[in-house]
Amino acid sequence: MLPIERRKEIAQIIKKEKAVRVNQLSEQFDVTEETVRRDLEKLENEGILKRTYGGAVLDNLVSDDLPYTDREKVNMDQKRLIAKYASQLVDEGETIFIDASTSALEVIKQVDPRIHITVITNSLNAIHQLNQYSHINLIGVGGNLNDQTFSFEGPMTARFIDHYYADKIFFSVKGISKERGLMDSRESLAELKSHMIANSKEVILVIDASKFNRSALIRIIETGAVDTVITEFSLDKSWKSYFDNQGVRVIIAK
């Protein structure tokens, strides 16, 4: 198969699956992983995808509000690795906010079952999945149900959130940049996260490498409002300096 034909097939795969892994493509096309990385680099230059650690995602994922069933497939290995580190920050008896992100849900799923906590969320999927955990006291906030994200949104949801105060919030975003801070795709999502952040003692951002240097429609908060960032992204000097200047602790999941 010619390289141009292989790249065309890779582009078709990522448009269908939303994300790809280097090792899987290497086996599928019977080429080296280095060859796959060069293919992904060319496709990234064409604006088709965004390379991540060990793979790539669709380039429009940051701006698109994907259905939850699609988001569950994107970068889950990285999200589980990040969650492994983040879950260790949860202490006995704490009250935790989580947003409707798959990253935040993974954190709670990995909390030691001997630790009893209260979780407050607007995510219908999180309510469904976490209901089986006996060590979690689960509080769901209502409102208008978004059938794409399986989450409750709107003014009523924000009012529900304002009735509570949490020890920590774990959340994710569509993009983070040094120029604009933390961003999301829709105003309603950004507003709810702002309410959760304002009502939390400690703010923890769980974010995979695909979200760095990306922009989205709505700015949520400045990066300096975050206490801790947990990511698998290997930060370069400029990002390390940026977080240091913002007073943000960074934990690299390895």
Foldseek 3Di string as FASTA:
>chain_A
DDLVVLLVVVLVVQVVLQWDFLVVSCVVVVHDSVSVVVSVVVCVVVQQWADFVRIIGGNCQLQDLAFQVSQCRPPVVFLLLLLLVLLVVDAAAFEEEEELHPSRLSNVVNHDLVGAYEYEYQAQVSCVVCVVRPSYNYHHAAADADNRSNGHWDPSSLVSLLVAAGQEYEYEASAAELVQGGHHNDPGRLSSVLSNLVRYNAYEYEYEPRRYPDHYDGRRDHNLSHAEYEYQDDDDPVVVVSCVVSNHHYHHRD
